[in-house]
N, C-alpha and C. Protein backbone atom coordinates (compact mmCIF):
# COMPACT_ATOMS: atom_id res chain seq x y z
N MET A 1 150.83 45.00 70.77
CA MET A 1 150.18 44.44 69.97
C MET A 1 148.37 45.19 70.04
N ARG A 2 148.37 45.12 71.17
CA ARG A 2 146.72 45.73 71.30
C ARG A 2 146.25 46.97 71.22
N ALA A 3 147.71 47.65 72.14
CA ALA A 3 147.81 49.16 71.89
C ALA A 3 147.81 49.65 70.72
N ILE A 4 148.06 49.09 68.97
CA ILE A 4 147.89 49.22 68.06
C ILE A 4 146.54 48.60 67.20
N PHE A 5 146.19 48.03 67.85
CA PHE A 5 145.07 47.56 67.18
C PHE A 5 143.92 47.99 67.89
N GLU A 6 143.92 48.04 68.64
CA GLU A 6 142.61 49.55 69.11
C GLU A 6 142.79 50.68 68.62
N THR A 7 144.45 51.17 68.78
CA THR A 7 144.36 52.85 68.06
C THR A 7 143.59 52.78 66.78
N LEU A 8 143.72 51.86 66.11
CA LEU A 8 143.50 52.07 64.52
C LEU A 8 141.86 51.55 64.86
N PHE A 9 141.80 50.96 65.28
CA PHE A 9 140.00 50.67 65.42
C PHE A 9 139.19 51.55 65.33
N ASP A 10 139.96 52.39 66.63
CA ASP A 10 138.96 53.56 67.38
C ASP A 10 139.42 54.63 66.12
N ILE A 11 140.63 54.92 66.05
CA ILE A 11 140.46 55.75 64.75
C ILE A 11 138.91 55.97 63.46
N VAL A 12 139.27 54.40 62.66
CA VAL A 12 138.66 54.31 61.73
C VAL A 12 137.25 54.51 62.34
N TYR A 13 136.67 53.71 63.50
CA TYR A 13 135.13 53.96 63.83
C TYR A 13 134.88 55.73 63.79
N LEU A 14 135.78 56.44 64.75
CA LEU A 14 136.03 57.87 64.80
C LEU A 14 135.46 58.25 63.66
N VAL A 15 136.66 58.40 62.28
CA VAL A 15 136.23 58.96 61.09
C VAL A 15 135.14 58.63 60.36
N THR A 16 134.73 57.29 60.33
CA THR A 16 134.06 55.95 60.14
C THR A 16 132.43 57.01 60.41
N VAL A 17 131.98 56.90 61.41
CA VAL A 17 130.85 57.44 61.78
C VAL A 17 130.65 59.24 61.97
N ILE A 18 131.77 60.31 62.55
CA ILE A 18 131.60 62.08 61.81
C ILE A 18 131.89 61.55 60.53
N THR A 19 132.25 60.67 59.60
CA THR A 19 132.33 61.08 58.32
C THR A 19 130.88 61.09 57.48
N ILE A 20 130.37 60.18 58.12
CA ILE A 20 128.75 59.67 57.55
C ILE A 20 127.74 60.50 57.96
N GLY A 21 128.26 61.30 59.53
CA GLY A 21 127.04 61.96 59.81
C GLY A 21 127.06 63.27 59.18
N VAL A 22 128.12 64.07 58.56
CA VAL A 22 128.67 65.05 57.87
C VAL A 22 127.75 65.15 56.46
N ARG A 23 128.10 63.99 56.00
CA ARG A 23 127.77 63.76 54.76
C ARG A 23 126.05 63.68 54.46
N MET A 24 125.38 63.19 55.66
CA MET A 24 124.28 63.21 56.04
C MET A 24 123.62 64.58 55.73
N ILE A 25 124.24 64.92 56.89
CA ILE A 25 123.99 66.52 57.26
C ILE A 25 124.05 67.10 56.05
N ARG A 26 125.10 67.23 54.77
CA ARG A 26 124.66 67.71 53.81
C ARG A 26 124.19 67.20 52.46
N GLY A 27 124.03 65.63 52.78
CA GLY A 27 123.11 65.43 51.63
C GLY A 27 121.47 65.09 51.75
N SER A 28 120.57 65.71 53.20
CA SER A 28 119.66 64.53 53.37
C SER A 28 118.36 65.86 52.58
N LYS A 29 118.60 67.16 51.63
CA LYS A 29 117.99 68.19 51.02
C LYS A 29 116.40 68.69 51.70
N GLY A 30 117.42 68.09 53.10
CA GLY A 30 115.80 69.17 53.94
C GLY A 30 115.08 67.82 53.94
N ASN A 31 115.35 66.74 54.39
CA ASN A 31 114.49 66.23 55.21
C ASN A 31 114.82 65.50 56.60
N ARG A 32 113.79 66.67 57.27
CA ARG A 32 114.06 66.50 58.55
C ARG A 32 115.13 64.98 59.65
N GLN A 33 114.29 63.85 59.31
CA GLN A 33 114.37 62.33 60.23
C GLN A 33 116.35 62.17 59.60
N PHE A 34 116.85 62.89 58.62
CA PHE A 34 118.42 62.10 58.23
C PHE A 34 118.77 63.81 58.75
N GLN A 35 118.90 64.80 58.62
CA GLN A 35 119.47 65.37 59.46
C GLN A 35 119.86 65.66 60.55
N LEU A 36 118.56 64.78 61.26
CA LEU A 36 118.59 64.47 62.55
C LEU A 36 120.13 63.50 62.79
N PHE A 37 119.38 62.27 61.54
CA PHE A 37 120.52 61.29 62.17
C PHE A 37 121.56 61.15 61.78
N GLY A 38 121.59 62.51 60.98
CA GLY A 38 123.46 63.13 60.59
C GLY A 38 124.12 63.92 62.07
N TRP A 39 123.06 64.50 62.67
CA TRP A 39 123.79 65.19 64.09
C TRP A 39 123.61 64.29 64.72
N MET A 40 122.98 63.04 64.87
CA MET A 40 123.53 62.01 66.00
C MET A 40 124.86 61.32 65.50
N ALA A 41 125.16 61.16 64.49
CA ALA A 41 126.09 60.58 63.89
C ALA A 41 127.08 61.12 64.60
N VAL A 42 127.43 62.39 64.55
CA VAL A 42 128.31 63.57 64.66
C VAL A 42 128.46 63.55 66.42
N VAL A 43 127.08 63.41 66.96
CA VAL A 43 127.27 63.39 68.11
C VAL A 43 128.17 62.16 68.53
N LEU A 44 127.60 61.15 68.67
CA LEU A 44 127.79 60.02 68.46
C LEU A 44 129.08 60.04 68.44
N GLY A 45 130.42 60.15 67.43
CA GLY A 45 132.03 59.97 67.54
C GLY A 45 132.58 61.04 67.99
N ALA A 46 131.78 62.94 67.86
CA ALA A 46 132.37 63.59 68.37
C ALA A 46 132.22 63.15 70.23
N GLY A 47 131.17 62.40 70.85
CA GLY A 47 130.97 62.59 72.16
C GLY A 47 132.61 61.73 72.69
N ASP A 48 132.59 60.76 71.63
CA ASP A 48 133.23 59.08 71.66
C ASP A 48 134.77 59.54 71.66
N SER A 49 134.93 60.47 70.73
CA SER A 49 136.35 61.03 71.19
C SER A 49 137.16 61.47 72.13
N PHE A 50 135.86 61.80 73.01
CA PHE A 50 136.51 62.48 74.31
C PHE A 50 137.02 61.43 75.29
N HIS A 51 136.78 60.43 74.96
CA HIS A 51 137.15 59.04 75.85
C HIS A 51 138.47 58.49 75.26
N LEU A 52 137.94 57.98 73.63
CA LEU A 52 138.72 57.02 72.90
C LEU A 52 139.83 57.92 72.31
N VAL A 53 140.43 59.42 72.38
CA VAL A 53 141.86 59.38 72.23
C VAL A 53 142.62 59.49 73.20
N PRO A 54 142.25 60.25 74.72
CA PRO A 54 143.22 59.52 75.95
C PRO A 54 143.14 58.58 76.08
N ARG A 55 142.11 57.05 75.76
CA ARG A 55 142.86 55.93 76.01
C ARG A 55 143.33 55.46 75.06
N ALA A 56 144.39 55.73 73.83
CA ALA A 56 144.74 55.66 72.62
C ALA A 56 145.72 56.30 72.93
N LEU A 57 146.10 57.13 73.53
CA LEU A 57 147.42 58.02 74.25
C LEU A 57 147.78 56.73 75.44
N ALA A 58 146.87 56.72 76.23
CA ALA A 58 147.08 56.22 77.42
C ALA A 58 147.84 54.63 77.19
N LEU A 59 147.56 54.28 76.14
CA LEU A 59 147.58 52.63 75.51
C LEU A 59 149.18 52.72 74.78
N CYS A 60 149.54 54.04 74.27
CA CYS A 60 150.63 54.26 73.30
C CYS A 60 151.52 54.63 74.19
N THR A 61 151.52 55.02 74.88
CA THR A 61 152.77 55.83 76.06
C THR A 61 152.71 55.30 77.44
N THR A 62 151.95 56.06 78.57
CA THR A 62 153.00 55.53 79.77
C THR A 62 151.66 54.74 80.71
N GLY A 63 150.42 54.42 80.02
CA GLY A 63 149.42 53.71 80.41
C GLY A 63 148.33 54.67 81.48
N PHE A 64 147.07 53.45 81.75
CA PHE A 64 146.05 54.17 82.39
C PHE A 64 146.27 55.26 83.71
N ASP A 65 147.37 55.00 84.02
CA ASP A 65 147.06 55.52 85.65
C ASP A 65 147.52 57.31 85.33
N ALA A 66 148.20 57.54 84.31
CA ALA A 66 149.17 58.89 84.01
C ALA A 66 147.86 59.43 83.05
N TYR A 67 146.84 59.35 82.77
CA TYR A 67 145.90 59.30 82.22
C TYR A 67 144.51 59.84 83.13
N ALA A 68 144.35 59.14 84.03
CA ALA A 68 143.12 59.03 84.82
C ALA A 68 142.58 60.44 84.86
N VAL A 69 142.91 61.57 84.82
CA VAL A 69 142.21 62.71 84.48
C VAL A 69 141.51 62.63 83.42
N GLN A 70 142.33 62.54 82.12
CA GLN A 70 141.66 63.00 80.93
C GLN A 70 140.52 61.71 80.41
N LEU A 71 140.93 60.38 81.17
CA LEU A 71 140.13 59.41 80.53
C LEU A 71 138.79 59.64 81.45
N GLY A 72 138.89 59.97 83.01
CA GLY A 72 137.54 59.97 83.46
C GLY A 72 137.10 61.04 82.85
N LEU A 73 136.85 62.40 82.61
CA LEU A 73 136.36 63.72 82.12
C LEU A 73 135.82 62.96 80.63
N GLY A 74 136.65 62.30 79.85
CA GLY A 74 136.32 62.01 78.36
C GLY A 74 135.13 60.55 79.32
N LYS A 75 134.47 59.97 79.78
CA LYS A 75 133.59 59.04 80.59
C LYS A 75 132.49 59.75 80.45
N TRP A 76 132.57 60.27 81.62
CA TRP A 76 131.37 61.90 81.65
C TRP A 76 131.27 62.42 80.33
N ILE A 77 131.56 63.14 79.67
CA ILE A 77 131.11 63.44 78.60
C ILE A 77 130.57 62.75 77.57
N THR A 78 131.47 61.33 77.50
CA THR A 78 130.94 60.36 76.52
C THR A 78 129.37 59.56 77.14
N SER A 79 129.77 59.69 78.21
CA SER A 79 128.14 60.11 78.66
C SER A 79 126.52 60.29 78.30
N ILE A 80 127.29 61.91 79.16
CA ILE A 80 125.95 62.83 78.11
C ILE A 80 125.68 62.75 76.89
N THR A 81 127.08 62.58 75.89
CA THR A 81 126.89 62.45 75.26
C THR A 81 125.85 61.75 74.26
N MET A 82 125.69 60.65 74.76
CA MET A 82 125.31 58.90 74.67
C MET A 82 123.94 59.71 74.93
N THR A 83 123.76 59.51 75.68
CA THR A 83 121.89 60.41 76.31
C THR A 83 121.88 61.33 75.41
N VAL A 84 122.25 62.35 74.90
CA VAL A 84 121.68 63.33 73.74
C VAL A 84 121.45 62.06 72.23
N PHE A 85 122.32 61.53 72.37
CA PHE A 85 122.24 60.44 71.18
C PHE A 85 121.19 59.75 71.12
N TYR A 86 120.46 59.35 72.40
CA TYR A 86 119.32 58.42 72.31
C TYR A 86 118.07 59.12 71.71
N VAL A 87 118.19 60.61 72.60
CA VAL A 87 117.39 61.99 72.10
C VAL A 87 117.19 61.96 71.01
N LEU A 88 118.01 62.13 69.55
CA LEU A 88 118.37 62.20 68.46
C LEU A 88 117.38 61.11 67.67
N LEU A 89 118.24 60.01 68.35
CA LEU A 89 117.06 58.52 67.92
C LEU A 89 115.43 58.73 68.31
N TYR A 90 115.31 58.93 69.18
CA TYR A 90 114.25 59.03 69.21
C TYR A 90 113.38 60.06 68.13
N TYR A 91 114.42 61.51 68.30
CA TYR A 91 112.92 62.36 67.02
C TYR A 91 113.19 61.71 65.32
N VAL A 92 114.57 61.43 65.50
CA VAL A 92 114.20 60.58 64.10
C VAL A 92 113.60 59.35 64.16
N TRP A 93 112.72 58.64 64.89
CA TRP A 93 111.48 57.69 64.95
C TRP A 93 110.25 58.37 64.82
N ARG A 94 110.44 59.66 65.63
CA ARG A 94 108.92 60.40 65.19
C ARG A 94 108.86 60.84 64.32
N GLU A 95 110.00 61.68 63.44
CA GLU A 95 110.57 62.09 61.83
C GLU A 95 109.60 61.20 61.16
N ARG A 96 110.30 59.58 60.85
CA ARG A 96 110.34 58.49 59.95
C ARG A 96 108.90 58.01 59.91
N TYR A 97 108.22 58.04 61.21
CA TYR A 97 106.67 57.64 61.23
C TYR A 97 106.07 58.86 60.82
N GLN A 98 105.98 60.08 61.19
CA GLN A 98 104.85 61.32 61.47
C GLN A 98 104.59 60.94 62.76
N VAL A 99 104.62 60.83 63.65
CA VAL A 99 104.20 60.59 65.41
C VAL A 99 103.76 62.18 65.23
N LYS A 100 102.45 61.95 65.40
CA LYS A 100 102.27 63.47 66.04
C LYS A 100 101.10 63.36 67.60
N ASN A 101 101.29 62.27 68.54
CA ASN A 101 100.90 61.93 69.46
C ASN A 101 101.86 61.65 70.27
N HIS A 102 102.04 60.83 71.40
CA HIS A 102 103.00 60.28 72.47
C HIS A 102 103.34 61.27 73.02
N GLY A 103 102.53 62.51 73.60
CA GLY A 103 103.17 62.90 74.25
C GLY A 103 103.68 62.60 75.79
N GLY A 104 103.32 61.34 76.38
CA GLY A 104 103.32 60.96 77.17
C GLY A 104 104.80 60.80 77.45
N THR A 105 105.10 59.48 75.68
CA THR A 105 106.42 58.98 76.06
C THR A 105 107.18 59.90 75.67
N THR A 106 107.27 60.86 74.99
CA THR A 106 108.74 61.80 74.89
C THR A 106 108.56 62.76 76.62
N ALA A 107 107.51 62.86 77.43
CA ALA A 107 107.91 63.57 78.61
C ALA A 107 108.52 62.77 79.31
N ALA A 108 108.47 61.08 79.15
CA ALA A 108 109.20 59.88 79.83
C ALA A 108 110.46 60.14 79.24
N ILE A 109 110.91 60.40 77.87
CA ILE A 109 111.78 60.46 77.51
C ILE A 109 113.13 61.21 78.64
N PHE A 110 112.49 62.46 78.32
CA PHE A 110 112.90 63.20 79.32
C PHE A 110 113.30 63.84 80.24
N ALA A 111 112.50 62.46 81.35
CA ALA A 111 112.36 62.37 82.66
C ALA A 111 113.63 61.80 83.13
N LEU A 112 113.80 60.70 82.32
CA LEU A 112 114.77 59.77 81.98
C LEU A 112 116.36 60.10 82.00
N VAL A 113 116.17 61.23 80.81
CA VAL A 113 116.90 62.40 80.84
C VAL A 113 117.59 62.87 81.85
N ALA A 114 116.81 63.84 82.31
CA ALA A 114 117.38 64.26 83.50
C ALA A 114 117.55 63.81 84.55
N MET A 115 116.87 62.39 84.39
CA MET A 115 117.80 61.92 85.92
C MET A 115 119.02 60.86 85.45
N ARG A 116 118.93 60.88 84.46
CA ARG A 116 120.58 60.49 83.82
C ARG A 116 121.76 61.26 83.95
N VAL A 117 120.96 62.27 83.78
CA VAL A 117 122.28 63.36 83.55
C VAL A 117 122.68 63.91 85.23
N ALA A 118 121.69 64.40 85.79
CA ALA A 118 121.78 63.99 87.14
C ALA A 118 122.52 63.41 88.23
N LEU A 119 122.42 61.96 87.94
CA LEU A 119 122.94 61.29 88.37
C LEU A 119 124.35 61.63 88.04
N CYS A 120 124.71 61.60 86.82
CA CYS A 120 126.04 61.53 85.78
C CYS A 120 127.15 62.79 86.75
N MET A 121 126.23 63.82 87.02
CA MET A 121 126.72 64.95 87.53
C MET A 121 127.31 65.10 89.09
N LEU A 122 126.83 63.77 89.77
CA LEU A 122 126.93 63.63 91.19
C LEU A 122 128.81 63.61 91.57
N PRO A 123 129.15 63.91 92.07
CA PRO A 123 130.87 63.61 92.82
C PRO A 123 131.23 62.55 93.17
N GLN A 124 129.81 61.81 93.92
CA GLN A 124 130.24 60.32 94.01
C GLN A 124 130.48 59.31 92.74
N ASN A 125 129.95 59.57 91.62
CA ASN A 125 130.69 59.10 90.11
C ASN A 125 132.28 58.62 90.66
N GLN A 126 133.01 59.44 91.22
CA GLN A 126 134.85 59.74 91.41
C GLN A 126 135.33 59.75 89.82
N TRP A 127 134.47 60.48 88.77
CA TRP A 127 135.13 60.52 87.29
C TRP A 127 136.32 60.57 87.56
N LEU A 128 136.88 61.45 87.64
CA LEU A 128 138.57 61.90 87.91
C LEU A 128 139.67 60.69 88.28
N THR A 129 139.27 59.41 88.45
CA THR A 129 140.05 58.62 88.99
C THR A 129 140.01 57.41 88.74
N ASN A 130 140.60 56.96 88.50
CA ASN A 130 140.49 55.08 87.96
C ASN A 130 139.45 54.34 88.44
N GLN A 131 138.90 54.73 90.10
CA GLN A 131 137.95 53.60 90.39
C GLN A 131 136.59 54.00 91.10
N THR A 132 136.26 54.21 89.91
CA THR A 132 134.65 54.37 90.02
C THR A 132 133.90 53.46 90.34
N PRO A 133 133.10 54.11 91.64
CA PRO A 133 132.38 52.54 92.28
C PRO A 133 131.41 52.48 91.20
N LEU A 134 131.31 50.81 91.72
CA LEU A 134 130.14 49.49 90.84
C LEU A 134 129.04 50.18 90.65
N GLU A 135 128.22 50.61 91.90
CA GLU A 135 127.26 50.78 92.77
C GLU A 135 126.58 52.35 91.41
N TRP A 136 127.73 53.45 91.36
CA TRP A 136 126.93 54.25 90.64
C TRP A 136 127.12 54.05 89.13
N GLY A 137 128.47 53.43 88.41
CA GLY A 137 127.91 52.89 87.61
C GLY A 137 126.67 52.37 86.78
N ILE A 138 126.41 51.69 88.04
CA ILE A 138 125.19 50.66 87.90
C ILE A 138 124.23 51.59 87.94
N LEU A 139 124.04 52.17 89.08
CA LEU A 139 122.03 53.60 88.92
C LEU A 139 122.26 54.47 87.61
N ARG A 140 123.89 55.05 87.62
CA ARG A 140 123.55 55.95 86.34
C ARG A 140 123.00 55.60 85.13
N ASN A 141 123.07 54.06 85.09
CA ASN A 141 122.79 53.27 83.84
C ASN A 141 121.36 52.87 83.73
N ILE A 142 120.92 53.19 84.95
CA ILE A 142 119.44 52.57 85.09
C ILE A 142 118.34 53.15 84.04
N PRO A 143 118.50 54.79 83.96
CA PRO A 143 117.94 55.51 83.40
C PRO A 143 118.53 55.60 81.90
N PHE A 144 119.46 55.26 81.67
CA PHE A 144 119.80 55.59 80.23
C PHE A 144 119.53 53.85 79.17
N ALA A 145 119.22 52.76 80.77
CA ALA A 145 118.77 51.48 79.67
C ALA A 145 117.34 51.51 79.52
N ILE A 146 116.75 52.41 79.71
CA ILE A 146 115.29 52.33 80.52
C ILE A 146 115.03 52.88 79.00
N MET A 147 115.76 54.35 79.06
CA MET A 147 115.51 55.16 77.30
C MET A 147 115.84 54.31 76.47
N GLY A 148 117.03 53.72 76.31
CA GLY A 148 116.71 52.55 75.47
C GLY A 148 116.28 51.39 75.16
N LEU A 149 115.51 50.97 76.29
CA LEU A 149 114.46 49.58 75.78
C LEU A 149 113.28 50.25 75.52
N MET A 150 113.03 51.50 75.73
CA MET A 150 111.90 52.11 75.09
C MET A 150 111.67 52.53 73.21
N VAL A 151 113.34 53.08 73.13
CA VAL A 151 113.09 53.39 71.93
C VAL A 151 113.38 52.29 70.95
N ILE A 152 113.98 50.79 71.31
CA ILE A 152 114.10 49.72 71.10
C ILE A 152 112.70 49.48 70.81
N VAL A 153 111.46 49.60 71.20
CA VAL A 153 109.83 49.01 71.30
C VAL A 153 109.53 49.59 70.14
N LEU A 154 109.71 51.14 69.95
CA LEU A 154 109.34 51.79 69.14
C LEU A 154 109.50 51.43 68.46
N PHE A 155 111.00 51.07 67.70
CA PHE A 155 111.38 51.24 66.41
C PHE A 155 110.82 49.66 65.89
N TYR A 156 110.83 48.63 67.10
CA TYR A 156 110.41 47.18 66.66
C TYR A 156 109.02 47.38 66.22
N ARG A 157 107.96 48.18 66.96
CA ARG A 157 106.59 48.34 66.40
C ARG A 157 106.21 49.25 65.38
N SER A 158 107.10 50.09 65.16
CA SER A 158 107.04 51.15 63.64
C SER A 158 107.08 50.54 62.54
N ALA A 159 108.19 49.69 63.06
CA ALA A 159 109.12 49.14 61.34
C ALA A 159 107.73 48.30 60.99
N LYS A 160 108.31 47.17 62.02
CA LYS A 160 107.15 45.94 61.56
C LYS A 160 105.75 46.71 61.14
N GLU A 161 104.89 47.26 61.23
CA GLU A 161 103.53 47.89 61.30
C GLU A 161 103.53 48.24 60.05
N ASN A 162 104.49 49.43 59.99
CA ASN A 162 104.85 49.86 58.77
C ASN A 162 105.99 49.17 57.40
N GLY A 163 106.13 48.16 57.41
CA GLY A 163 106.54 47.23 56.80
C GLY A 163 107.93 47.97 55.75
N ASP A 164 109.03 48.56 57.03
CA ASP A 164 109.75 49.65 56.51
C ASP A 164 110.84 48.46 56.27
N GLU A 165 111.98 48.21 55.25
CA GLU A 165 112.63 47.32 55.30
C GLU A 165 113.58 48.45 55.27
N ALA A 166 113.77 49.41 55.51
CA ALA A 166 115.28 49.82 55.23
C ALA A 166 115.48 50.44 57.23
N PHE A 167 114.98 49.88 58.01
CA PHE A 167 114.52 50.11 59.38
C PHE A 167 114.54 48.91 60.19
N ARG A 168 114.24 47.62 59.39
CA ARG A 168 113.62 46.69 60.20
C ARG A 168 114.60 46.48 61.28
N TRP A 169 115.82 46.27 61.36
CA TRP A 169 117.19 46.02 62.40
C TRP A 169 117.06 47.03 63.02
N MET A 170 116.99 48.50 63.05
CA MET A 170 117.35 49.53 63.93
C MET A 170 117.00 48.54 65.22
N TRP A 171 116.07 47.90 65.62
CA TRP A 171 115.62 48.28 67.29
C TRP A 171 116.52 46.88 67.49
N LEU A 172 117.15 45.72 66.47
CA LEU A 172 118.44 44.61 67.07
C LEU A 172 119.66 45.78 67.24
N THR A 173 120.41 46.89 66.28
CA THR A 173 121.32 46.97 66.88
C THR A 173 121.52 48.08 68.25
N ILE A 174 120.63 48.52 68.36
CA ILE A 174 120.19 49.09 70.34
C ILE A 174 120.53 48.12 70.96
N VAL A 175 119.65 46.87 70.74
CA VAL A 175 120.07 45.80 71.85
C VAL A 175 120.83 45.08 72.02
N LEU A 176 121.87 45.03 70.63
CA LEU A 176 123.22 44.42 70.68
C LEU A 176 123.88 45.64 71.33
N SER A 177 123.97 47.23 71.28
CA SER A 177 124.34 47.70 72.04
C SER A 177 124.46 47.58 73.39
N PHE A 178 123.30 47.45 73.81
CA PHE A 178 123.28 47.14 75.32
C PHE A 178 123.47 46.33 76.09
N GLY A 179 123.50 44.74 74.96
CA GLY A 179 124.09 43.59 75.13
C GLY A 179 125.08 43.41 75.36
N PHE A 180 126.21 44.29 74.32
CA PHE A 180 127.63 44.15 74.81
C PHE A 180 128.07 45.42 76.00
N TYR A 181 127.24 46.09 76.21
CA TYR A 181 128.06 47.40 77.33
C TYR A 181 127.40 47.00 78.80
N ILE A 182 126.52 46.35 78.81
CA ILE A 182 126.40 45.73 80.13
C ILE A 182 126.97 45.01 81.07
N PRO A 183 127.69 43.96 79.99
CA PRO A 183 129.04 43.46 81.47
C PRO A 183 129.88 44.25 81.21
N VAL A 184 129.82 45.07 80.57
CA VAL A 184 131.06 46.14 80.80
C VAL A 184 131.22 47.11 82.01
N VAL A 185 130.37 47.48 82.40
CA VAL A 185 129.35 48.31 83.30
C VAL A 185 129.21 47.39 84.45
N LEU A 186 129.47 46.47 84.89
CA LEU A 186 129.20 45.02 86.04
C LEU A 186 130.22 44.47 86.24
N TRP A 187 131.41 43.86 84.95
CA TRP A 187 131.97 43.69 85.43
C TRP A 187 133.47 43.93 84.98
N ALA A 188 134.07 44.76 84.45
CA ALA A 188 134.73 45.36 83.83
C ALA A 188 136.71 45.18 84.15
N GLU A 189 135.73 46.13 85.82
CA GLU A 189 136.97 46.00 87.20
C GLU A 189 137.18 44.86 87.54
N VAL A 190 136.33 43.99 87.22
CA VAL A 190 136.31 42.74 88.25
C VAL A 190 137.29 41.89 86.83
N ILE A 191 137.24 41.45 85.84
CA ILE A 191 137.58 40.57 84.41
C ILE A 191 138.07 41.97 83.46
N PRO A 192 139.11 42.28 83.68
CA PRO A 192 139.79 43.70 82.48
C PRO A 192 139.35 42.59 80.80
N ALA A 193 139.13 41.71 80.61
CA ALA A 193 139.19 41.06 79.23
C ALA A 193 137.55 41.64 79.15
N ILE A 194 136.56 41.65 79.85
CA ILE A 194 135.11 42.03 79.22
C ILE A 194 135.26 43.30 79.06
N GLY A 195 136.22 43.65 79.02
CA GLY A 195 136.37 45.45 78.32
C GLY A 195 136.43 45.51 76.98
N MET A 196 137.10 44.66 76.19
CA MET A 196 137.00 44.20 74.69
C MET A 196 135.49 43.96 74.09
N LEU A 197 134.34 43.74 75.00
CA LEU A 197 133.15 43.95 74.44
C LEU A 197 132.46 45.17 73.90
N MET A 198 133.08 46.27 74.58
CA MET A 198 133.00 47.46 73.45
C MET A 198 133.64 47.66 72.04
N ILE A 199 134.05 46.48 71.31
CA ILE A 199 134.34 46.17 70.52
C ILE A 199 133.31 45.98 69.25
N PRO A 200 132.99 44.99 69.96
CA PRO A 200 131.47 44.91 69.23
C PRO A 200 130.38 45.61 69.47
N LYS A 201 130.03 46.73 70.59
CA LYS A 201 129.28 47.66 70.71
C LYS A 201 129.33 48.32 70.07
N THR A 202 131.35 48.50 69.46
CA THR A 202 130.74 49.86 68.98
C THR A 202 130.56 49.56 67.61
N CYS A 203 130.98 48.80 66.92
CA CYS A 203 130.35 48.36 65.75
C CYS A 203 128.95 48.03 65.16
N ALA A 204 128.25 47.82 66.45
CA ALA A 204 126.44 47.77 66.82
C ALA A 204 126.27 49.34 66.61
N TYR A 205 126.98 50.24 66.56
CA TYR A 205 126.48 51.80 66.97
C TYR A 205 127.26 52.36 65.21
N VAL A 206 127.99 51.67 64.84
CA VAL A 206 127.67 52.03 63.24
C VAL A 206 126.71 51.71 62.43
N TRP A 207 126.55 49.90 62.62
CA TRP A 207 125.55 49.69 61.94
C TRP A 207 124.11 50.11 61.48
N THR A 208 123.95 51.00 63.65
CA THR A 208 122.91 51.86 63.49
C THR A 208 122.72 53.37 62.33
N VAL A 209 124.19 53.74 61.87
CA VAL A 209 124.52 55.04 61.36
C VAL A 209 124.30 54.77 60.12
N LEU A 210 124.65 53.07 59.82
CA LEU A 210 124.57 53.10 58.25
C LEU A 210 123.58 52.39 57.75
N ILE A 211 122.41 52.42 59.03
CA ILE A 211 121.12 51.55 58.40
C ILE A 211 120.55 53.45 58.14
N GLY A 212 120.40 54.60 58.77
CA GLY A 212 120.51 55.85 58.37
C GLY A 212 121.07 56.38 56.95
N TYR A 213 122.58 56.19 56.70
CA TYR A 213 122.83 56.43 56.00
C TYR A 213 122.39 55.86 54.66
N ASN A 214 122.35 54.50 54.80
CA ASN A 214 121.84 53.96 53.18
C ASN A 214 120.21 54.50 53.35
N ALA A 215 119.27 54.52 53.96
CA ALA A 215 117.68 55.11 54.36
C ALA A 215 118.11 56.16 53.02
N MET A 216 118.68 57.07 53.46
CA MET A 216 118.84 58.40 53.01
C MET A 216 119.28 58.54 51.28
N LYS A 217 120.65 57.60 51.36
CA LYS A 217 121.09 57.26 49.80
C LYS A 217 119.67 57.34 48.88
N LYS A 218 118.55 56.21 49.11
CA LYS A 218 117.47 55.61 48.65
C LYS A 218 116.58 56.27 48.42
N GLU A 219 116.09 56.83 49.77
CA GLU A 219 115.32 57.72 49.76
C GLU A 219 115.04 59.49 49.33
N CYS A 220 116.50 59.72 49.41
CA CYS A 220 116.69 60.73 48.74
C CYS A 220 117.40 61.37 47.54
């Protein structure tokens, strides 16, 4: 039952975010913020597919041990693409609110990206096994979490200052995604049921994408 539910959920999620992303790229009418948002959605869906497709196969066939390499490789790719996702979201913020300065913020974002990617590349992560060390899971997510916190603060302040109704809950979607993700990083190996928090985390990302899509329909 779990295999069927989780597989169907993942299929609906991947098809939804990639379809919305493509529609935004094609329907943005040259509006750069919505083009970026569309690519952001495509990167999200395409990146997650590298992990979710092997996971679905493992659930529906011979189990996770038989797909350790594919799942580990998928997690690594997803770690990188999620980092790209937040870089694109940062530039959506710059485009939407016509930010012309904040050079220090941009430098900080890219410094965190470099740290995150470098940590993800290290062999100590043991990506291709089912026993990824907890300390490395925490370590590589520290710059990722700081980047997320920065984006949360930027969207919260700018939406409030500009009375931006369309993006007023963008900050909350990111808070929820990290709120559901952090317990998985910390305790999923010890308490496997905590891994189910990835479902509401995924729903938070769908909400993020829908905010951009609905704004595009009104503004373009």
